[in-house]
Amino acid sequence: MNSPALSIVVLSYNRLADIQANLPVLATWVKENASELIVVDNNSSDGSASFIETFASEHPEVTAVLNKTNRGVAGGRNDGMARTSGAIVLFLDDDSAPETRFLDELPALFRAYPEAGLITPRIIQTSTGNYENGHGDEPCWVGNFHGSCYAVQRSVIDSIGGFDEGCTFGGEELDYSIRAHDVGMKCLYHPDYTSLHNSIVRTGKQTDFGRLEKWFYNYGRVLAKNFPDGMALRLTHNYSRSNAMRLAAKGQHKAARVVLQSAQKGFRVGQAESKKVKSATAEFYNSAALRPEFGNVSVATKLLEKLKIRPAPKPLVVERRELS
C-alpha cells in the first residue's frame, strides 16, 4: 500500500469539547483523501481519552495513542510522529481547526516553495478574531512556526528526527525550526491559509508561575544549545529582560524575577547540551526582521521603533508562487 501524501497528528490534553468538535471534520477529510490521522492523548482527566479511544474504534482511518503520563508537548508530538508514514506531517493542537483548503493544497505548496521544510498558516484566535502570528499579509520566512498548526516535510524528519523532549512547555517550535534551517530547510508563513485556534484567553491578575518558569527556561536552553555563546547570551538577555520589564511595569515583580532566573538557568543547561549550528544558520537568526521575536530585537531597538525614531525592519517576504 502506498504511503499517504499527508499524515495528521493531533495532540490532545483536557479539551474534550474541542476534540469532539474537531476530530469528526478531520476524520472525514482523511477518509476522503486516503490519508491517516493519529490522535495522541497526553493522559487527559476530562474524558478526552475515552472519547478518542471510542472514536478511533469506529473510524479505521484514525489511530489512538493513549499515554499513561503527560509526555509534554514535544514528547506527545514525537509519539504521534513515530506512527506516521506520509510525505508531509501536519501537527495540530486539539483546539485547532485548519481550513480544509490548507490540507488540500499542502503538497502543492511544498512543491512551489522547495526551500521550505516547514509551513505554517495564519492563526486566528477563535473568540476574538485576532491574529496569533501577525507576520503580515505576504508570505515570508519566519524564525519559527506557530505550535497550534504547522506542516513538516518528511525529508526534515528524516534529517533531524523528532522534537527536543526537554521542551516540556515552550521552545520546541524555535528549536525545531533552527535545526531544520541548519539542514537547508526554512520555515514559511503563508497568510493565504488560515487555522482557527480556540486557545484559552486568560484574564485577571493571577500569574501562572509554573508556566512562566518552564517557558523561559526552555527558551534560554534552546538558544544556548544552538547558537554561539556570545550570540546566545545576547538573545537570552534580550528576550528575558524585555518580558521581565513588561511584567514589572504591570506590578508583577515576582513574575519578572521568575522570568530572569528561569532563562538564566535554562541558558546554563543549554550550554552543557551544546550542539552549535552552522554559521549561515546563526547569521539568519541574527536578523532583527525575523518573527516571532525571540531576543533578536533588543529592548533599545523596540523603544526606538515604538517612538517612531527608527522604522521596524521589513519581514523577509517571499513572492507568491503558482501551485501545481
C-alpha atoms as a PDB file:
ATOM      1  CA  MET A   1       0.000   0.000   0.000  1.00  0.00           C
ATOM      2  CA  ASN A   2       1.373   3.418  -0.957  1.00  0.00           C
ATOM      3  CA  SER A   3       2.115   5.930   1.798  1.00  0.00           C
ATOM      4  CA  PRO A   4      -0.337   8.843   2.018  1.00  0.00           C
ATOM      5  CA  ALA A   5       0.632  12.315   0.872  1.00  0.00           C
ATOM      6  CA  LEU A   6      -0.362  13.706   4.271  1.00  0.00           C
ATOM      7  CA  SER A   7      -0.408  12.401   7.819  1.00  0.00           C
ATOM      8  CA  ILE A   8      -2.165  14.412  10.536  1.00  0.00           C
ATOM      9  CA  VAL A   9      -1.088  14.292  14.182  1.00  0.00           C
ATOM     10  CA  VAL A  10      -3.375  15.836  16.808  1.00  0.00           C
ATOM     11  CA  LEU A  11      -2.141  16.339  20.367  1.00  0.00           C
ATOM     12  CA  SER A  12      -4.890  16.207  22.989  1.00  0.00           C
ATOM     13  CA  TYR A  13      -4.925  17.258  26.619  1.00  0.00           C
ATOM     14  CA  ASN A  14      -8.060  18.110  28.618  1.00  0.00           C
ATOM     15  CA  ARG A  15     -10.019  19.861  25.886  1.00  0.00           C
ATOM     16  CA  LEU A  16     -12.890  17.444  25.428  1.00  0.00           C
ATOM     17  CA  ALA A  17     -15.280  19.888  23.737  1.00  0.00           C
ATOM     18  CA  ASP A  18     -12.638  20.905  21.194  1.00  0.00           C
ATOM     19  CA  ILE A  19     -11.592  17.354  20.352  1.00  0.00           C
ATOM     20  CA  GLN A  20     -15.242  16.339  19.975  1.00  0.00           C
ATOM     21  CA  ALA A  21     -15.780  19.199  17.522  1.00  0.00           C
ATOM     22  CA  ASN A  22     -12.576  18.874  15.501  1.00  0.00           C
ATOM     23  CA  LEU A  23     -11.979  15.124  15.163  1.00  0.00           C
ATOM     24  CA  PRO A  24     -15.059  14.336  13.002  1.00  0.00           C
ATOM     25  CA  VAL A  25     -14.106  17.046  10.489  1.00  0.00           C
ATOM     26  CA  LEU A  26     -10.516  15.814  10.252  1.00  0.00           C
ATOM     27  CA  ALA A  27     -11.563  12.167  10.048  1.00  0.00           C
ATOM     28  CA  THR A  28     -13.933  12.911   7.171  1.00  0.00           C
ATOM     29  CA  TRP A  29     -11.184  14.698   5.238  1.00  0.00           C
ATOM     30  CA  VAL A  30      -8.688  11.898   5.947  1.00  0.00           C
ATOM     31  CA  LYS A  31     -11.105   9.209   4.771  1.00  0.00           C
ATOM     32  CA  GLU A  32     -11.936  11.093   1.577  1.00  0.00           C
ATOM     33  CA  ASN A  33      -8.252  11.668   0.802  1.00  0.00           C
ATOM     34  CA  ALA A  34      -6.833   8.250   1.732  1.00  0.00           C
ATOM     35  CA  SER A  35      -4.710   9.776   4.446  1.00  0.00           C
ATOM     36  CA  GLU A  36      -4.101   8.950   8.103  1.00  0.00           C
ATOM     37  CA  LEU A  37      -4.964  10.619  11.402  1.00  0.00           C
ATOM     38  CA  ILE A  38      -3.073   9.920  14.627  1.00  0.00           C
ATOM     39  CA  VAL A  39      -4.517  11.329  17.848  1.00  0.00           C
ATOM     40  CA  VAL A  40      -2.245  11.391  20.896  1.00  0.00           C
ATOM     41  CA  ASP A  41      -3.823  11.965  24.288  1.00  0.00           C
ATOM     42  CA  ASN A  42      -1.380  13.118  26.959  1.00  0.00           C
ATOM     43  CA  ASN A  43      -3.166  11.493  29.926  1.00  0.00           C
ATOM     44  CA  SER A  44      -6.227  13.736  29.998  1.00  0.00           C
ATOM     45  CA  SER A  45      -8.526  13.645  33.012  1.00  0.00           C
ATOM     46  CA  ASP A  46     -11.678  15.138  31.445  1.00  0.00           C
ATOM     47  CA  GLY A  47     -12.924  12.210  29.368  1.00  0.00           C
ATOM     48  CA  SER A  48     -10.913  13.081  26.238  1.00  0.00           C
ATOM     49  CA  ALA A  49      -9.001   9.784  26.245  1.00  0.00           C
ATOM     50  CA  SER A  50     -12.184   7.713  26.439  1.00  0.00           C
ATOM     51  CA  PHE A  51     -13.779   9.711  23.613  1.00  0.00           C
ATOM     52  CA  ILE A  52     -10.684   9.338  21.409  1.00  0.00           C
ATOM     53  CA  GLU A  53     -10.476   5.581  22.053  1.00  0.00           C
ATOM     54  CA  THR A  54     -14.130   5.086  21.127  1.00  0.00           C
ATOM     55  CA  PHE A  55     -13.891   7.368  18.096  1.00  0.00           C
ATOM     56  CA  ALA A  56     -10.840   5.504  16.762  1.00  0.00           C
ATOM     57  CA  SER A  57     -12.576   2.132  17.202  1.00  0.00           C
ATOM     58  CA  GLU A  58     -15.358   3.405  14.922  1.00  0.00           C
ATOM     59  CA  HIS A  59     -13.075   5.050  12.330  1.00  0.00           C
ATOM     60  CA  PRO A  60     -10.324   2.781  10.924  1.00  0.00           C
ATOM     61  CA  GLU A  61      -8.508   5.757   9.412  1.00  0.00           C
ATOM     62  CA  VAL A  62      -7.864   7.060  12.953  1.00  0.00           C
ATOM     63  CA  THR A  63      -5.147   5.741  15.280  1.00  0.00           C
ATOM     64  CA  ALA A  64      -5.411   6.497  19.004  1.00  0.00           C
ATOM     65  CA  VAL A  65      -2.295   6.811  21.183  1.00  0.00           C
ATOM     66  CA  LEU A  66      -3.297   6.985  24.842  1.00  0.00           C
ATOM     67  CA  ASN A  67      -0.359   7.982  27.018  1.00  0.00           C
ATOM     68  CA  LYS A  68      -0.448   6.932  30.662  1.00  0.00           C
ATOM     69  CA  THR A  69       1.576  10.011  31.655  1.00  0.00           C
ATOM     70  CA  ASN A  70       1.707  13.546  30.321  1.00  0.00           C
ATOM     71  CA  ARG A  71       4.701  13.421  27.994  1.00  0.00           C
ATOM     72  CA  GLY A  72       4.741  17.160  27.388  1.00  0.00           C
ATOM     73  CA  VAL A  73       4.192  18.874  24.059  1.00  0.00           C
ATOM     74  CA  ALA A  74       7.381  17.623  22.417  1.00  0.00           C
ATOM     75  CA  GLY A  75       7.090  14.079  23.774  1.00  0.00           C
ATOM     76  CA  GLY A  76       3.451  13.764  22.768  1.00  0.00           C
ATOM     77  CA  ARG A  77       4.120  15.009  19.247  1.00  0.00           C
ATOM     78  CA  ASN A  78       7.027  12.582  18.923  1.00  0.00           C
ATOM     79  CA  ASP A  79       4.711   9.725  19.905  1.00  0.00           C
ATOM     80  CA  GLY A  80       2.433  10.703  17.026  1.00  0.00           C
ATOM     81  CA  MET A  81       5.270  11.374  14.582  1.00  0.00           C
ATOM     82  CA  ALA A  82       6.641   7.852  15.130  1.00  0.00           C
ATOM     83  CA  ARG A  83       3.392   6.393  13.758  1.00  0.00           C
ATOM     84  CA  THR A  84       3.180   8.489  10.578  1.00  0.00           C
ATOM     85  CA  SER A  85       4.049   7.398   7.056  1.00  0.00           C
ATOM     86  CA  GLY A  86       3.031  10.428   4.990  1.00  0.00           C
ATOM     87  CA  ALA A  87       5.359  12.522   2.833  1.00  0.00           C
ATOM     88  CA  ILE A  88       4.076  15.520   4.828  1.00  0.00           C
ATOM     89  CA  VAL A  89       3.093  15.545   8.511  1.00  0.00           C
ATOM     90  CA  LEU A  90       0.616  18.160   9.754  1.00  0.00           C
ATOM     91  CA  PHE A  91       0.741  18.771  13.513  1.00  0.00           C
ATOM     92  CA  LEU A  92      -2.319  20.220  15.234  1.00  0.00           C
ATOM     93  CA  ASP A  93      -3.383  21.091  18.755  1.00  0.00           C
ATOM     94  CA  ASP A  94      -6.713  19.667  19.873  1.00  0.00           C
ATOM     95  CA  ASP A  95      -8.230  23.169  19.814  1.00  0.00           C
ATOM     96  CA  SER A  96      -7.085  23.941  16.254  1.00  0.00           C
ATOM     97  CA  ALA A  97      -9.290  23.857  13.165  1.00  0.00           C
ATOM     98  CA  PRO A  98      -7.426  24.461   9.885  1.00  0.00           C
ATOM     99  CA  GLU A  99      -9.404  25.217   6.757  1.00  0.00           C
ATOM    100  CA  THR A 100      -9.561  22.120   4.579  1.00  0.00           C
ATOM    101  CA  ARG A 101      -8.098  24.099   1.650  1.00  0.00           C
ATOM    102  CA  PHE A 102      -4.819  24.211   3.572  1.00  0.00           C
ATOM    103  CA  LEU A 103      -4.858  20.419   3.839  1.00  0.00           C
ATOM    104  CA  ASP A 104      -5.824  20.072   0.159  1.00  0.00           C
ATOM    105  CA  GLU A 105      -3.020  22.297  -1.112  1.00  0.00           C
ATOM    106  CA  LEU A 106      -0.144  21.412   1.225  1.00  0.00           C
ATOM    107  CA  PRO A 107       1.598  19.093  -1.279  1.00  0.00           C
ATOM    108  CA  ALA A 108       1.396  21.775  -3.972  1.00  0.00           C
ATOM    109  CA  LEU A 109       2.613  24.427  -1.537  1.00  0.00           C
ATOM    110  CA  PHE A 110       5.722  22.437  -0.709  1.00  0.00           C
ATOM    111  CA  ARG A 111       6.361  21.900  -4.430  1.00  0.00           C
ATOM    112  CA  ALA A 112       6.018  25.637  -5.061  1.00  0.00           C
ATOM    113  CA  TYR A 113       8.379  26.508  -2.204  1.00  0.00           C
ATOM    114  CA  PRO A 114      11.067  23.782  -2.299  1.00  0.00           C
ATOM    115  CA  GLU A 115      13.233  25.752   0.160  1.00  0.00           C
ATOM    116  CA  ALA A 116      10.533  25.308   2.802  1.00  0.00           C
ATOM    117  CA  GLY A 117      10.790  22.354   5.132  1.00  0.00           C
ATOM    118  CA  LEU A 118       8.007  23.714   7.331  1.00  0.00           C
ATOM    119  CA  ILE A 119       4.864  25.704   6.541  1.00  0.00           C
ATOM    120  CA  THR A 120       2.558  27.477   8.991  1.00  0.00           C
ATOM    121  CA  PRO A 121      -0.679  29.310   8.080  1.00  0.00           C
ATOM    122  CA  ARG A 122      -2.135  32.441   9.622  1.00  0.00           C
ATOM    123  CA  ILE A 123      -3.527  31.519  13.061  1.00  0.00           C
ATOM    124  CA  ILE A 124      -6.748  33.232  14.143  1.00  0.00           C
ATOM    125  CA  GLN A 125      -7.944  33.211  17.749  1.00  0.00           C
ATOM    126  CA  THR A 126     -11.495  31.877  17.565  1.00  0.00           C
ATOM    127  CA  SER A 127     -13.270  34.109  20.074  1.00  0.00           C
ATOM    128  CA  THR A 128     -11.519  37.422  19.308  1.00  0.00           C
ATOM    129  CA  GLY A 129     -10.632  37.111  15.638  1.00  0.00           C
ATOM    130  CA  ASN A 130      -7.132  38.375  16.448  1.00  0.00           C
ATOM    131  CA  TYR A 131      -4.095  37.032  14.624  1.00  0.00           C
ATOM    132  CA  GLU A 132      -1.844  34.967  16.878  1.00  0.00           C
ATOM    133  CA  ASN A 133       1.017  35.105  14.384  1.00  0.00           C
ATOM    134  CA  GLY A 134       0.667  38.557  12.875  1.00  0.00           C
ATOM    135  CA  HIS A 135       3.535  38.374  10.416  1.00  0.00           C
ATOM    136  CA  GLY A 136       1.802  40.432   7.730  1.00  0.00           C
ATOM    137  CA  ASP A 137      -0.235  39.819   4.616  1.00  0.00           C
ATOM    138  CA  GLU A 138       2.519  38.399   2.416  1.00  0.00           C
ATOM    139  CA  PRO A 139       4.286  35.025   2.546  1.00  0.00           C
ATOM    140  CA  CYS A 140       7.574  35.348   4.399  1.00  0.00           C
ATOM    141  CA  TRP A 141      10.353  33.363   6.040  1.00  0.00           C
ATOM    142  CA  VAL A 142       9.970  33.300   9.820  1.00  0.00           C
ATOM    143  CA  GLY A 143      12.057  32.210  12.773  1.00  0.00           C
ATOM    144  CA  ASN A 144       9.616  29.504  13.809  1.00  0.00           C
ATOM    145  CA  PHE A 145       6.143  28.138  13.180  1.00  0.00           C
ATOM    146  CA  HIS A 146       3.069  28.595  15.356  1.00  0.00           C
ATOM    147  CA  GLY A 147       2.733  25.491  17.509  1.00  0.00           C
ATOM    148  CA  SER A 148      -1.019  25.042  17.014  1.00  0.00           C
ATOM    149  CA  CYS A 149      -0.827  24.250  13.274  1.00  0.00           C
ATOM    150  CA  TYR A 150       2.176  23.537  11.057  1.00  0.00           C
ATOM    151  CA  ALA A 151       3.305  21.087   8.413  1.00  0.00           C
ATOM    152  CA  VAL A 152       6.688  19.360   8.128  1.00  0.00           C
ATOM    153  CA  GLN A 153       8.201  17.628   5.129  1.00  0.00           C
ATOM    154  CA  ARG A 154       9.270  14.012   5.650  1.00  0.00           C
ATOM    155  CA  SER A 155      12.766  14.954   4.478  1.00  0.00           C
ATOM    156  CA  VAL A 156      13.115  17.221   7.530  1.00  0.00           C
ATOM    157  CA  ILE A 157      12.040  14.439   9.898  1.00  0.00           C
ATOM    158  CA  ASP A 158      14.447  12.022   8.228  1.00  0.00           C
ATOM    159  CA  SER A 159      17.282  14.557   8.593  1.00  0.00           C
ATOM    160  CA  ILE A 160      16.811  15.884  12.134  1.00  0.00           C
ATOM    161  CA  GLY A 161      14.464  13.451  13.850  1.00  0.00           C
ATOM    162  CA  GLY A 162      11.860  14.437  16.412  1.00  0.00           C
ATOM    163  CA  PHE A 163      11.262  17.321  18.772  1.00  0.00           C
ATOM    164  CA  ASP A 164      13.519  18.067  21.730  1.00  0.00           C
ATOM    165  CA  GLU A 165      11.697  16.423  24.640  1.00  0.00           C
ATOM    166  CA  GLY A 166      13.473  18.705  27.077  1.00  0.00           C
ATOM    167  CA  CYS A 167      10.978  21.316  25.851  1.00  0.00           C
ATOM    168  CA  THR A 168       8.074  20.263  28.048  1.00  0.00           C
ATOM    169  CA  PHE A 169       6.323  23.596  27.529  1.00  0.00           C
ATOM    170  CA  GLY A 170       7.559  26.187  25.038  1.00  0.00           C
ATOM    171  CA  GLY A 171      10.682  26.395  22.935  1.00  0.00           C
ATOM    172  CA  GLU A 172      10.162  23.291  20.772  1.00  0.00           C
ATOM    173  CA  GLU A 173       8.889  25.396  17.849  1.00  0.00           C
ATOM    174  CA  LEU A 174      12.021  27.542  17.792  1.00  0.00           C
ATOM    175  CA  ASP A 175      14.383  24.612  18.373  1.00  0.00           C
ATOM    176  CA  TYR A 176      12.876  22.520  15.580  1.00  0.00           C
ATOM    177  CA  SER A 177      12.872  25.438  13.132  1.00  0.00           C
ATOM    178  CA  ILE A 178      16.525  26.213  13.891  1.00  0.00           C
ATOM    179  CA  ARG A 179      17.540  22.591  13.380  1.00  0.00           C
ATOM    180  CA  ALA A 180      15.556  22.384  10.127  1.00  0.00           C
ATOM    181  CA  HIS A 181      17.200  25.561   8.835  1.00  0.00           C
ATOM    182  CA  ASP A 182      20.585  24.065   9.662  1.00  0.00           C
ATOM    183  CA  VAL A 183      19.959  21.270   7.127  1.00  0.00           C
ATOM    184  CA  GLY A 184      18.797  23.770   4.497  1.00  0.00           C
ATOM    185  CA  MET A 185      15.020  23.821   5.108  1.00  0.00           C
ATOM    186  CA  LYS A 186      13.353  27.132   6.028  1.00  0.00           C
ATOM    187  CA  CYS A 187      10.078  27.885   7.799  1.00  0.00           C
ATOM    188  CA  LEU A 188       7.442  29.588   5.623  1.00  0.00           C
ATOM    189  CA  TYR A 189       4.497  31.618   6.929  1.00  0.00           C
ATOM    190  CA  HIS A 190       1.724  31.771   4.316  1.00  0.00           C
ATOM    191  CA  PRO A 191      -1.200  34.088   5.221  1.00  0.00           C
ATOM    192  CA  ASP A 192      -3.395  32.945   2.330  1.00  0.00           C
ATOM    193  CA  TYR A 193      -4.292  29.945   4.510  1.00  0.00           C
ATOM    194  CA  THR A 194      -5.831  30.073   7.968  1.00  0.00           C
ATOM    195  CA  SER A 195      -6.421  27.935  11.021  1.00  0.00           C
ATOM    196  CA  LEU A 196      -8.742  28.770  13.894  1.00  0.00           C
ATOM    197  CA  HIS A 197      -7.265  28.352  17.362  1.00  0.00           C
ATOM    198  CA  ASN A 198      -9.676  28.157  20.273  1.00  0.00           C
ATOM    199  CA  SER A 199      -6.933  28.950  22.774  1.00  0.00           C
ATOM    200  CA  ILE A 200      -7.886  29.971  26.285  1.00  0.00           C
ATOM    201  CA  VAL A 201      -7.719  33.728  26.766  1.00  0.00           C
ATOM    202  CA  ARG A 202      -6.583  34.261  30.344  1.00  0.00           C
ATOM    203  CA  THR A 203      -7.678  37.406  32.129  1.00  0.00           C
ATOM    204  CA  GLY A 204      -7.150  38.830  35.582  1.00  0.00           C
ATOM    205  CA  LYS A 205      -4.058  39.387  37.698  1.00  0.00           C
ATOM    206  CA  GLN A 206      -3.216  35.827  38.677  1.00  0.00           C
ATOM    207  CA  THR A 207       0.079  34.643  37.209  1.00  0.00           C
ATOM    208  CA  ASP A 208       0.911  31.010  36.468  1.00  0.00           C
ATOM    209  CA  PHE A 209       4.486  30.926  37.717  1.00  0.00           C
ATOM    210  CA  GLY A 210       4.950  27.286  36.697  1.00  0.00           C
ATOM    211  CA  ARG A 211       4.212  28.051  33.056  1.00  0.00           C
ATOM    212  CA  LEU A 212       6.442  31.136  33.144  1.00  0.00           C
ATOM    213  CA  GLU A 213       9.279  29.145  34.643  1.00  0.00           C
ATOM    214  CA  LYS A 214       9.052  26.375  32.030  1.00  0.00           C
ATOM    215  CA  TRP A 215       8.653  28.767  29.105  1.00  0.00           C
ATOM    216  CA  PHE A 216      11.681  30.952  29.814  1.00  0.00           C
ATOM    217  CA  TYR A 217      13.823  28.045  30.991  1.00  0.00           C
ATOM    218  CA  ASN A 218      13.189  26.302  27.679  1.00  0.00           C
ATOM    219  CA  TYR A 219      13.919  29.403  25.609  1.00  0.00           C
ATOM    220  CA  GLY A 220      17.184  30.035  27.447  1.00  0.00           C
ATOM    221  CA  ARG A 221      18.165  26.390  26.969  1.00  0.00           C
ATOM    222  CA  VAL A 222      17.254  26.284  23.256  1.00  0.00           C
ATOM    223  CA  LEU A 223      19.181  29.482  22.498  1.00  0.00           C
ATOM    224  CA  ALA A 224      22.293  28.359  24.384  1.00  0.00           C
ATOM    225  CA  LYS A 225      22.144  24.871  22.886  1.00  0.00           C
ATOM    226  CA  ASN A 226      22.006  26.028  19.270  1.00  0.00           C
ATOM    227  CA  PHE A 227      23.882  29.318  18.941  1.00  0.00           C
ATOM    228  CA  PRO A 228      27.434  30.548  19.597  1.00  0.00           C
ATOM    229  CA  ASP A 229      27.873  31.532  23.247  1.00  0.00           C
ATOM    230  CA  GLY A 230      28.030  35.286  22.707  1.00  0.00           C
ATOM    231  CA  MET A 231      25.009  35.340  20.411  1.00  0.00           C
ATOM    232  CA  ALA A 232      23.023  33.002  22.691  1.00  0.00           C
ATOM    233  CA  LEU A 233      23.785  35.143  25.739  1.00  0.00           C
ATOM    234  CA  ARG A 234      22.642  38.300  23.944  1.00  0.00           C
ATOM    235  CA  LEU A 235      19.420  36.692  22.683  1.00  0.00           C
ATOM    236  CA  THR A 236      18.595  35.208  26.084  1.00  0.00           C
ATOM    237  CA  HIS A 237      19.294  38.535  27.791  1.00  0.00           C
ATOM    238  CA  ASN A 238      17.146  40.490  25.332  1.00  0.00           C
ATOM    239  CA  TYR A 239      14.258  38.032  25.428  1.00  0.00           C
ATOM    240  CA  SER A 240      14.097  37.608  29.202  1.00  0.00           C
ATOM    241  CA  ARG A 241      14.769  41.262  30.048  1.00  0.00           C
ATOM    242  CA  SER A 242      12.111  42.676  27.727  1.00  0.00           C
ATOM    243  CA  ASN A 243       9.494  40.271  29.130  1.00  0.00           C
ATOM    244  CA  ALA A 244      10.597  40.934  32.722  1.00  0.00           C
ATOM    245  CA  MET A 245      10.330  44.679  32.147  1.00  0.00           C
ATOM    246  CA  ARG A 246       6.833  44.259  30.741  1.00  0.00           C
ATOM    247  CA  LEU A 247       5.738  42.267  33.795  1.00  0.00           C
ATOM    248  CA  ALA A 248       7.403  44.670  36.240  1.00  0.00           C
ATOM    249  CA  ALA A 249       5.606  47.586  34.584  1.00  0.00           C
ATOM    250  CA  LYS A 250       2.338  45.829  35.498  1.00  0.00           C
ATOM    251  CA  GLY A 251       3.482  45.452  39.097  1.00  0.00           C
ATOM    252  CA  GLN A 252       4.206  41.728  38.703  1.00  0.00           C
ATOM    253  CA  HIS A 253       7.692  41.861  40.225  1.00  0.00           C
ATOM    254  CA  LYS A 254       7.787  38.240  41.362  1.00  0.00           C
ATOM    255  CA  ALA A 255       6.869  37.091  37.869  1.00  0.00           C
ATOM    256  CA  ALA A 256       9.620  39.301  36.451  1.00  0.00           C
ATOM    257  CA  ARG A 257      12.173  37.627  38.726  1.00  0.00           C
ATOM    258  CA  VAL A 258      10.912  34.183  37.708  1.00  0.00           C
ATOM    259  CA  VAL A 259      11.440  35.093  34.053  1.00  0.00           C
ATOM    260  CA  LEU A 260      15.021  36.272  34.562  1.00  0.00           C
ATOM    261  CA  GLN A 261      16.045  33.415  36.844  1.00  0.00           C
ATOM    262  CA  SER A 262      14.445  30.717  34.682  1.00  0.00           C
ATOM    263  CA  ALA A 263      16.072  31.995  31.486  1.00  0.00           C
ATOM    264  CA  GLN A 264      19.472  32.087  33.188  1.00  0.00           C
ATOM    265  CA  LYS A 265      19.035  28.536  34.485  1.00  0.00           C
ATOM    266  CA  GLY A 266      17.993  27.285  31.072  1.00  0.00           C
ATOM    267  CA  PHE A 267      20.942  29.058  29.470  1.00  0.00           C
ATOM    268  CA  ARG A 268      23.410  27.237  31.725  1.00  0.00           C
ATOM    269  CA  VAL A 269      21.817  23.863  30.960  1.00  0.00           C
ATOM    270  CA  GLY A 270      21.782  24.625  27.227  1.00  0.00           C
ATOM    271  CA  GLN A 271      25.499  25.396  27.250  1.00  0.00           C
ATOM    272  CA  ALA A 272      26.146  21.911  28.613  1.00  0.00           C
ATOM    273  CA  GLU A 273      23.995  20.401  25.802  1.00  0.00           C
ATOM    274  CA  SER A 274      25.729  22.464  23.123  1.00  0.00           C
ATOM    275  CA  LYS A 275      25.044  21.413  19.506  1.00  0.00           C
ATOM    276  CA  LYS A 276      26.030  24.593  17.684  1.00  0.00           C
ATOM    277  CA  VAL A 277      24.507  25.331  14.286  1.00  0.00           C
ATOM    278  CA  LYS A 278      26.357  26.306  11.124  1.00  0.00           C
ATOM    279  CA  SER A 279      27.477  29.933  10.766  1.00  0.00           C
ATOM    280  CA  ALA A 280      24.911  30.537   7.979  1.00  0.00           C
ATOM    281  CA  THR A 281      22.080  29.472  10.304  1.00  0.00           C
ATOM    282  CA  ALA A 282      23.375  31.690  13.105  1.00  0.00           C
ATOM    283  CA  GLU A 283      23.588  34.599  10.659  1.00  0.00           C
ATOM    284  CA  PHE A 284      19.986  34.035   9.528  1.00  0.00           C
ATOM    285  CA  TYR A 285      18.744  34.014  13.126  1.00  0.00           C
ATOM    286  CA  ASN A 286      20.654  37.185  13.906  1.00  0.00           C
ATOM    287  CA  SER A 287      18.217  39.116  11.713  1.00  0.00           C
ATOM    288  CA  ALA A 288      16.057  41.673  13.529  1.00  0.00           C
ATOM    289  CA  ALA A 289      13.404  41.083  10.835  1.00  0.00           C
ATOM    290  CA  LEU A 290      12.608  37.546  11.962  1.00  0.00           C
ATOM    291  CA  ARG A 291       9.315  36.957  13.715  1.00  0.00           C
ATOM    292  CA  PRO A 292       8.084  35.825  16.141  1.00  0.00           C
ATOM    293  CA  GLU A 293      10.667  37.687  18.219  1.00  0.00           C
ATOM    294  CA  PHE A 294      12.975  35.554  20.381  1.00  0.00           C
ATOM    295  CA  GLY A 295      15.548  38.095  21.583  1.00  0.00           C
ATOM    296  CA  ASN A 296      16.712  39.075  18.101  1.00  0.00           C
ATOM    297  CA  VAL A 297      15.339  42.586  18.742  1.00  0.00           C
ATOM    298  CA  SER A 298      16.932  44.497  21.606  1.00  0.00           C
ATOM    299  CA  VAL A 299      14.958  46.467  24.182  1.00  0.00           C
ATOM    300  CA  ALA A 300      16.534  49.702  22.926  1.00  0.00           C
ATOM    301  CA  THR A 301      15.558  48.932  19.333  1.00  0.00           C
ATOM    302  CA  LYS A 302      11.977  48.196  20.367  1.00  0.00           C
ATOM    303  CA  LEU A 303      11.815  51.541  22.172  1.00  0.00           C
ATOM    304  CA  LEU A 304      13.157  53.404  19.139  1.00  0.00           C
ATOM    305  CA  GLU A 305      10.604  51.666  16.923  1.00  0.00           C
ATOM    306  CA  LYS A 306       7.777  52.448  19.343  1.00  0.00           C
ATOM    307  CA  LEU A 307       8.770  56.126  19.409  1.00  0.00           C
ATOM    308  CA  LYS A 308       8.958  56.026  15.589  1.00  0.00           C
ATOM    309  CA  ILE A 309      12.591  57.134  15.698  1.00  0.00           C
ATOM    310  CA  ARG A 310      13.600  54.010  13.813  1.00  0.00           C
ATOM    311  CA  PRO A 311      11.346  52.067  11.406  1.00  0.00           C
ATOM    312  CA  ALA A 312      10.723  48.413  12.104  1.00  0.00           C
ATOM    313  CA  PRO A 313      12.573  46.083   9.706  1.00  0.00           C
ATOM    314  CA  LYS A 314      10.565  44.640   6.850  1.00  0.00           C
ATOM    315  CA  PRO A 315       9.656  40.950   7.037  1.00  0.00           C
ATOM    316  CA  LEU A 316      11.646  38.523   4.904  1.00  0.00           C
ATOM    317  CA  VAL A 317       8.946  38.473   2.230  1.00  0.00           C
ATOM    318  CA  VAL A 318       8.929  35.805  -0.468  1.00  0.00           C
ATOM    319  CA  GLU A 319       6.902  36.072  -3.665  1.00  0.00           C
ATOM    320  CA  ARG A 320       3.641  34.203  -4.099  1.00  0.00           C
ATOM    321  CA  ARG A 321       4.147  31.262  -6.428  1.00  0.00           C
ATOM    322  CA  GLU A 322       1.835  29.303  -8.687  1.00  0.00           C
ATOM    323  CA  LEU A 323       0.670  25.968  -7.299  1.00  0.00           C
ATOM    324  CA  SER A 324       0.800  22.892  -9.466  1.00  0.00           C
END
